[in-house]
Structure formats: C-alpha cells, structure tokens
C-alpha cells in the first residue's frame, strides 16, 4: 500500500495541469484516489519521521492544494452568476470541466457524481434551520435530482424566455435554480415544507436570481396557469399524484404543456391517455411527455 501511495503522490505532484480551474473533474478523481488510502486514522500512532508519516503529510498537502483549487473554481462560477452572466456561461464551464456535452451516454439512475459536488460548491445550498415536518401519507421523502439529470432535462426541453418551468415538490430548489441560471426561462418551485422553501429563497437571493420563485404550497392547491413545462421527481404517489395529474390535464385543455418526470412516477404518468412521450423512454433517465388535446 505504501508503495502504491508513493507512486500516486508522485504522479499527482508532477501533474501541474490539475491546478487549472477547468480541470475540476480530474481534481475530484484525484482526491478520491487519495482518500482510498486510510492513513489518517492511523496517523496518531505513527512515528512522525517514519516513511508512512511523511507520505501522509505529502498526501494531505496535495489534497489541500486540490481542495483550494476547487474552492477558487466554485467562487469564480458563483461570482459570474451573481453578476448576471449569460445563461450559457455556467453550461460552458460545465462542458469544459467535465466533458458532459454529449448527454447520450448519461449514466442512468439516482446516484450522484462529481457534478453534484460542483453544484454544492457553487450554489452553497443552505441547510434547513428548522425541524422538518413529518410527511403526510403518499408524499415521498425529499431527494434532490442528480445534477446530470437536470442538464438532461434542460437539453430535452430547450427552455426559452417565454417558458415557465414549474417544479412540483421542489425541495431545496436544485431544478428551478439551475434552470434559471442556465436558461432564459422563468422557474417556479412549489414545495410544502417551509424549511426547504426558506433555504431555496435564500439561495436565489444570494445568487441575485430574479427569474426564480419559490412558493410554499400543496401542489393540489397551486396555480399552474403560467406553467409551460412541469417537473416531477416522484414527490408523491397515489391519490395525490392522481389529483395533480387531473389539474395538469385541465391546464392542457387550453394550451400545450410538457411534463417531465423522473423516478417511479414515470410509468404512472405514461399511462395518461392525454399525454404522449416526446422521445423513446429510457429507464433511469428523465422522461418528457407532451399534452395532446387534453381529453380523457
């Protein structure tokens, strides 16, 4: 193990390109490789002049440099957002830092990856400072949409300025915030949990975002009349989902809408006769439906 760690440290120390801001993904991978060596928990028992102790100090120094480069990267993007940079600015940073321009090979499923690390660092989501209320029956515990799937949603919907994205069950606001940053569309998050809504509003305020709104409300009672695109990461099931789908069907009578889903609610939404799938369905990825004539 010591020999392998020594070789890894040498490899990373000579790779000066890791200090370049856009090499974010490579830095995250390098930090993960260093973390695979559990020297820290044994360090207090090591002789300070031993080979293992010296390697540990080199590894921690290297790790700290990589971490500092990431913090600088986060701050750079965050400041661009606060200045009101072009909506494509963040997308350009992401493509440069992670080679995610081709979404056709997007990893399916609900796992998280380096993009989520990036957005946690850039957006700095506030943590709820109040007790989370116990959910009623049929409502699903909050889990944020993985960032790669939010980009998939943005790519599939091609949101423009006249669009209004409504996230039903928006949680801490990942989807509305990123959509408002990366597109010219307006975004609305509807969420029952007051603590989540307060955090989402704080994030929007700190980022100087004026095209995103967060509303504390039951989705069954919400005004959906402005929405052109609706997103559901399975926030509820059963009769609640049925009631919300009925509301959306009534909205579709007067205009075409699109409904994007992720997770277990997708096959249920897919059974709605008034909706048609825009593209072939891929398990574990965002599905996009378009309304027909609103009829049964």
Protein backbone atom coordinates (compact mmCIF):
# COMPACT_ATOMS: atom_id res chain seq x y z
CA UNK A 1 0.00 0.00 0.00
CA UNK A 2 2.83 2.40 0.88
CA UNK A 3 4.49 1.88 -2.49
CA UNK A 4 1.23 2.46 -4.34
CA UNK A 5 0.54 5.64 -2.35
CA UNK A 6 4.06 6.94 -3.02
CA UNK A 7 3.59 6.38 -6.76
CA UNK A 8 0.20 8.10 -6.71
CA UNK A 9 1.57 11.15 -4.89
CA UNK A 10 4.44 11.42 -7.36
CA UNK A 11 2.02 11.16 -10.28
CA UNK A 12 -0.25 13.88 -8.94
CA UNK A 13 2.54 16.20 -7.79
CA UNK A 14 4.05 16.40 -11.27
CA UNK A 15 0.69 16.98 -13.00
CA UNK A 16 0.60 20.78 -12.85
CA UNK A 17 -2.49 20.87 -15.05
CA UNK A 18 -4.54 19.84 -12.00
CA UNK A 19 -4.24 23.43 -10.83
CA UNK A 20 -6.08 24.74 -13.90
CA UNK A 21 -9.59 25.81 -12.91
CA UNK A 22 -11.47 23.83 -15.56
CA UNK A 23 -9.79 20.53 -14.55
CA UNK A 24 -12.39 20.13 -11.82
CA UNK A 25 -13.38 16.58 -12.64
CA UNK A 26 -9.77 15.40 -12.65
CA UNK A 27 -9.19 17.04 -9.26
CA UNK A 28 -12.22 15.29 -7.78
CA UNK A 29 -10.98 11.98 -9.13
CA UNK A 30 -7.51 12.64 -7.72
CA UNK A 31 -8.95 13.46 -4.30
CA UNK A 32 -10.99 10.27 -4.37
CA UNK A 33 -7.86 8.28 -5.17
CA UNK A 34 -6.05 9.84 -2.22
CA UNK A 35 -8.99 9.15 0.06
CA UNK A 36 -8.71 5.45 -0.79
CA UNK A 37 -5.64 5.29 1.48
CA UNK A 38 -6.85 5.41 5.12
CA UNK A 39 -3.64 6.75 6.64
CA UNK A 40 -5.42 9.46 8.60
CA UNK A 41 -6.98 7.11 11.12
CA UNK A 42 -3.55 5.59 11.83
CA UNK A 43 -1.54 8.82 11.77
CA UNK A 44 -1.58 9.45 15.53
CA UNK A 45 0.09 6.08 16.05
CA UNK A 46 2.86 6.71 13.53
CA UNK A 47 6.39 7.88 14.27
CA UNK A 48 6.48 11.43 12.90
CA UNK A 49 9.67 10.65 10.96
CA UNK A 50 8.50 7.33 9.58
CA UNK A 51 8.00 6.76 5.86
CA UNK A 52 4.27 6.43 6.42
CA UNK A 53 4.04 9.73 8.32
CA UNK A 54 5.98 11.62 5.68
CA UNK A 55 3.78 10.17 2.95
CA UNK A 56 0.70 11.12 4.91
CA UNK A 57 1.85 14.73 5.21
CA UNK A 58 2.61 14.89 1.48
CA UNK A 59 -0.79 13.41 0.67
CA UNK A 60 -2.60 15.89 2.94
CA UNK A 61 -0.66 18.82 1.48
CA UNK A 62 -1.52 17.71 -2.03
CA UNK A 63 -5.16 17.19 -1.06
CA UNK A 64 -5.36 20.69 0.41
CA UNK A 65 -3.97 22.21 -2.81
CA UNK A 66 -6.57 20.38 -4.89
CA UNK A 67 -9.29 21.47 -2.50
CA UNK A 68 -8.14 25.10 -2.68
CA UNK A 69 -8.25 24.98 -6.49
CA UNK A 70 -11.82 23.69 -6.30
CA UNK A 71 -12.85 26.48 -3.94
CA UNK A 72 -11.40 29.03 -6.36
CA UNK A 73 -13.34 27.36 -9.18
CA UNK A 74 -16.58 27.49 -7.16
CA UNK A 75 -16.05 31.17 -6.36
CA UNK A 76 -15.31 32.03 -9.99
CA UNK A 77 -18.56 30.49 -11.25
CA UNK A 78 -20.58 31.83 -8.33
CA UNK A 79 -19.38 35.38 -8.97
CA UNK A 80 -20.30 35.06 -12.65
CA UNK A 81 -23.82 34.01 -11.67
CA UNK A 82 -24.14 36.89 -9.20
CA UNK A 83 -23.08 39.32 -11.91
CA UNK A 84 -25.86 38.05 -14.14
CA UNK A 85 -23.65 36.28 -16.67
CA UNK A 86 -25.14 34.95 -19.88
CA UNK A 87 -27.23 31.83 -19.16
CA UNK A 88 -24.83 29.77 -21.27
CA UNK A 89 -21.88 30.75 -19.06
CA UNK A 90 -22.42 28.02 -16.48
CA UNK A 91 -23.09 25.43 -19.17
CA UNK A 92 -19.79 26.37 -20.82
CA UNK A 93 -17.93 25.94 -17.53
CA UNK A 94 -19.52 22.53 -17.05
CA UNK A 95 -18.65 21.31 -20.53
CA UNK A 96 -15.05 22.46 -20.03
CA UNK A 97 -14.72 20.95 -16.57
CA UNK A 98 -16.41 17.63 -17.15
CA UNK A 99 -16.88 16.86 -20.85
CA UNK A 100 -20.64 16.47 -20.43
CA UNK A 101 -21.59 17.93 -23.78
CA UNK A 102 -22.73 14.53 -25.05
CA UNK A 103 -25.70 13.51 -22.93
CA UNK A 104 -26.41 10.40 -24.99
CA UNK A 105 -24.12 8.42 -22.69
CA UNK A 106 -25.55 9.87 -19.49
CA UNK A 107 -25.42 7.46 -16.56
CA UNK A 108 -28.91 6.30 -15.64
CA UNK A 109 -30.26 6.05 -12.11
CA UNK A 110 -30.40 8.11 -8.95
CA UNK A 111 -26.75 8.05 -7.91
CA UNK A 112 -24.73 11.25 -7.55
CA UNK A 113 -21.41 12.17 -9.14
CA UNK A 114 -18.83 14.94 -9.44
CA UNK A 115 -21.40 17.36 -10.92
CA UNK A 116 -23.29 17.28 -7.64
CA UNK A 117 -20.05 18.12 -5.84
CA UNK A 118 -19.65 21.04 -8.21
CA UNK A 119 -23.11 22.45 -7.64
CA UNK A 120 -22.97 22.02 -3.92
CA UNK A 121 -19.81 24.11 -4.01
CA UNK A 122 -21.13 26.74 -6.41
CA UNK A 123 -24.70 27.15 -5.19
CA UNK A 124 -23.92 26.51 -1.49
CA UNK A 125 -27.40 25.35 -0.66
CA UNK A 126 -28.40 26.49 2.80
CA UNK A 127 -29.33 23.77 5.26
CA UNK A 128 -32.75 23.93 6.89
CA UNK A 129 -32.51 25.53 10.33
CA UNK A 130 -35.94 24.31 11.38
CA UNK A 131 -37.36 20.89 12.11
CA UNK A 132 -38.68 19.11 9.03
CA UNK A 133 -42.36 18.32 9.38
CA UNK A 134 -43.33 14.66 9.06
CA UNK A 135 -44.72 13.97 5.62
CA UNK A 136 -48.36 13.01 5.13
CA UNK A 137 -49.14 9.61 3.65
CA UNK A 138 -48.46 9.29 -0.12
CA UNK A 139 -45.82 12.04 -0.08
CA UNK A 140 -42.28 10.88 -0.80
CA UNK A 141 -39.22 11.89 1.26
CA UNK A 142 -37.20 14.63 -0.42
CA UNK A 143 -34.21 13.66 -2.50
CA UNK A 144 -32.55 16.13 -4.89
CA UNK A 145 -32.41 15.35 -8.58
CA UNK A 146 -28.85 14.42 -9.60
CA UNK A 147 -27.31 17.35 -11.47
CA UNK A 148 -26.61 15.38 -14.64
CA UNK A 149 -30.34 14.70 -14.97
CA UNK A 150 -31.14 18.39 -14.56
CA UNK A 151 -28.87 19.09 -17.53
CA UNK A 152 -30.62 16.28 -19.37
CA UNK A 153 -33.94 17.98 -18.63
CA UNK A 154 -32.62 21.33 -19.87
CA UNK A 155 -31.29 19.72 -23.04
CA UNK A 156 -34.55 17.89 -23.79
CA UNK A 157 -36.89 20.80 -23.11
CA UNK A 158 -34.80 23.53 -24.77
CA UNK A 159 -36.31 26.12 -22.43
CA UNK A 160 -36.61 29.64 -23.82
CA UNK A 161 -37.63 33.00 -22.35
CA UNK A 162 -41.36 32.52 -22.83
CA UNK A 163 -41.28 29.20 -20.96
CA UNK A 164 -42.14 28.82 -17.30
CA UNK A 165 -40.80 25.69 -15.60
CA UNK A 166 -42.79 24.62 -12.53
CA UNK A 167 -41.15 22.06 -10.25
CA UNK A 168 -43.81 20.28 -8.20
CA UNK A 169 -42.12 19.25 -4.98
CA UNK A 170 -39.04 21.42 -5.45
CA UNK A 171 -37.28 20.73 -2.14
CA UNK A 172 -34.19 22.90 -1.76
CA UNK A 173 -34.66 24.22 -5.28
CA UNK A 174 -31.97 22.44 -7.30
CA UNK A 175 -34.01 22.21 -10.51
CA UNK A 176 -35.53 25.74 -10.52
CA UNK A 177 -32.21 27.33 -9.54
CA UNK A 178 -30.13 25.57 -12.17
CA UNK A 179 -32.79 26.07 -14.83
CA UNK A 180 -32.95 29.79 -14.10
CA UNK A 181 -29.17 30.06 -14.22
CA UNK A 182 -28.68 28.06 -17.42
CA UNK A 183 -31.67 29.22 -19.48
CA UNK A 184 -33.67 32.37 -20.09
CA UNK A 185 -36.83 30.75 -18.78
CA UNK A 186 -38.62 31.65 -15.56
CA UNK A 187 -38.75 28.92 -12.92
CA UNK A 188 -41.15 28.30 -10.05
CA UNK A 189 -40.66 25.83 -7.24
CA UNK A 190 -43.70 24.60 -5.32
CA UNK A 191 -42.93 22.87 -2.03
CA UNK A 192 -44.93 22.09 1.13
CA UNK A 193 -42.01 22.05 3.56
CA UNK A 194 -41.45 25.62 4.79
CA UNK A 195 -37.84 24.99 5.84
CA UNK A 196 -36.93 23.87 2.31
CA UNK A 197 -38.68 26.87 0.76
CA UNK A 198 -36.81 29.28 3.03
CA UNK A 199 -33.47 27.71 2.06
CA UNK A 200 -34.31 27.86 -1.65
CA UNK A 201 -35.30 31.52 -1.39
CA UNK A 202 -32.06 32.30 0.44
CA UNK A 203 -30.02 30.61 -2.29
CA UNK A 204 -31.83 32.57 -5.01
CA UNK A 205 -31.30 35.82 -3.10
CA UNK A 206 -27.58 35.23 -2.56
CA UNK A 207 -27.13 34.44 -6.25
CA UNK A 208 -29.08 37.55 -7.36
CA UNK A 209 -31.52 35.45 -9.36
CA UNK A 210 -34.65 37.36 -10.31
CA UNK A 211 -36.29 34.80 -12.59
CA UNK A 212 -36.98 32.10 -10.00
CA UNK A 213 -39.73 31.99 -7.35
CA UNK A 214 -40.39 29.55 -4.53
CA UNK A 215 -43.87 29.04 -3.12
CA UNK A 216 -44.84 27.11 0.00
CA UNK A 217 -47.99 25.31 -1.02
CA UNK A 218 -49.65 21.96 -1.55
CA UNK A 219 -49.30 21.14 -5.26
CA UNK A 220 -53.01 20.26 -5.36
CA UNK A 221 -53.87 23.87 -4.48
CA UNK A 222 -51.28 25.63 -6.64
CA UNK A 223 -51.95 27.99 -9.51
CA UNK A 224 -50.47 26.20 -12.51
CA UNK A 225 -51.82 28.54 -15.16
CA UNK A 226 -48.45 30.11 -16.04
CA UNK A 227 -46.55 26.86 -16.50
CA UNK A 228 -45.45 25.53 -19.85
CA UNK A 229 -43.14 22.80 -18.52
CA UNK A 230 -43.76 20.82 -15.32
CA UNK A 231 -41.28 18.62 -13.48
CA UNK A 232 -41.95 15.81 -11.01
CA UNK A 233 -39.24 13.76 -9.33
CA UNK A 234 -41.89 11.48 -7.85
CA UNK A 235 -42.78 13.88 -5.00
CA UNK A 236 -46.00 11.99 -4.26
CA UNK A 237 -47.95 8.91 -5.30
CA UNK A 238 -51.45 7.51 -5.04
CA UNK A 239 -54.39 9.88 -4.78
CA UNK A 240 -52.16 12.97 -4.53
CA UNK A 241 -50.45 12.18 -7.81
CA UNK A 242 -53.86 11.46 -9.33
CA UNK A 243 -55.19 14.83 -8.21
CA UNK A 244 -52.17 16.70 -9.57
CA UNK A 245 -52.37 14.90 -12.92
CA UNK A 246 -56.03 15.87 -13.15
CA UNK A 247 -55.05 19.51 -12.54
CA UNK A 248 -52.43 19.30 -15.25
CA UNK A 249 -54.89 17.72 -17.68
CA UNK A 250 -57.25 20.65 -17.15
CA UNK A 251 -54.39 23.05 -17.86
CA UNK A 252 -53.70 21.17 -21.09
CA UNK A 253 -57.19 21.85 -22.39
CA UNK A 254 -56.29 25.47 -23.13
CA UNK A 255 -52.64 25.07 -24.22
CA UNK A 256 -49.95 22.55 -24.91
CA UNK A 257 -47.81 21.71 -21.91
CA UNK A 258 -44.90 19.37 -21.31
CA UNK A 259 -44.45 17.17 -18.27
CA UNK A 260 -41.00 15.90 -17.31
CA UNK A 261 -40.72 13.04 -14.84
CA UNK A 262 -38.00 11.12 -13.06
CA UNK A 263 -38.29 8.07 -10.84
CA UNK A 264 -41.20 5.74 -10.03
CA UNK A 265 -43.92 8.16 -11.13
CA UNK A 266 -42.80 7.94 -14.78
CA UNK A 267 -44.73 4.76 -15.76
CA UNK A 268 -47.83 6.09 -13.97
CA UNK A 269 -47.68 9.38 -15.87
CA UNK A 270 -47.01 7.43 -19.06
CA UNK A 271 -50.41 5.75 -18.75
CA UNK A 272 -52.22 9.08 -19.14
CA UNK A 273 -54.09 8.96 -22.46
CA UNK A 274 -53.88 12.74 -22.91
CA UNK A 275 -50.08 12.63 -22.89
CA UNK A 276 -47.64 11.35 -25.47
CA UNK A 277 -43.98 10.54 -24.99
CA UNK A 278 -41.75 13.01 -26.81
CA UNK A 279 -38.83 10.59 -27.19
CA UNK A 280 -38.30 6.91 -26.51
CA UNK A 281 -38.34 6.10 -22.80
CA UNK A 282 -35.03 5.19 -21.18
CA UNK A 283 -35.16 3.66 -17.73
CA UNK A 284 -33.39 5.76 -15.12
CA UNK A 285 -33.45 8.97 -17.15
CA UNK A 286 -35.72 11.99 -17.50
CA UNK A 287 -38.91 11.31 -19.49
CA UNK A 288 -40.63 14.13 -21.37
CA UNK A 289 -44.33 14.00 -22.24
CA UNK A 290 -46.35 16.40 -24.34
CA UNK A 291 -50.06 17.02 -23.98
CA UNK A 292 -52.48 16.19 -26.77
CA UNK A 293 -55.97 17.63 -26.78
CA UNK A 294 -56.48 17.36 -23.03
CA UNK A 295 -59.23 14.82 -23.46
CA UNK A 296 -59.67 11.64 -21.46
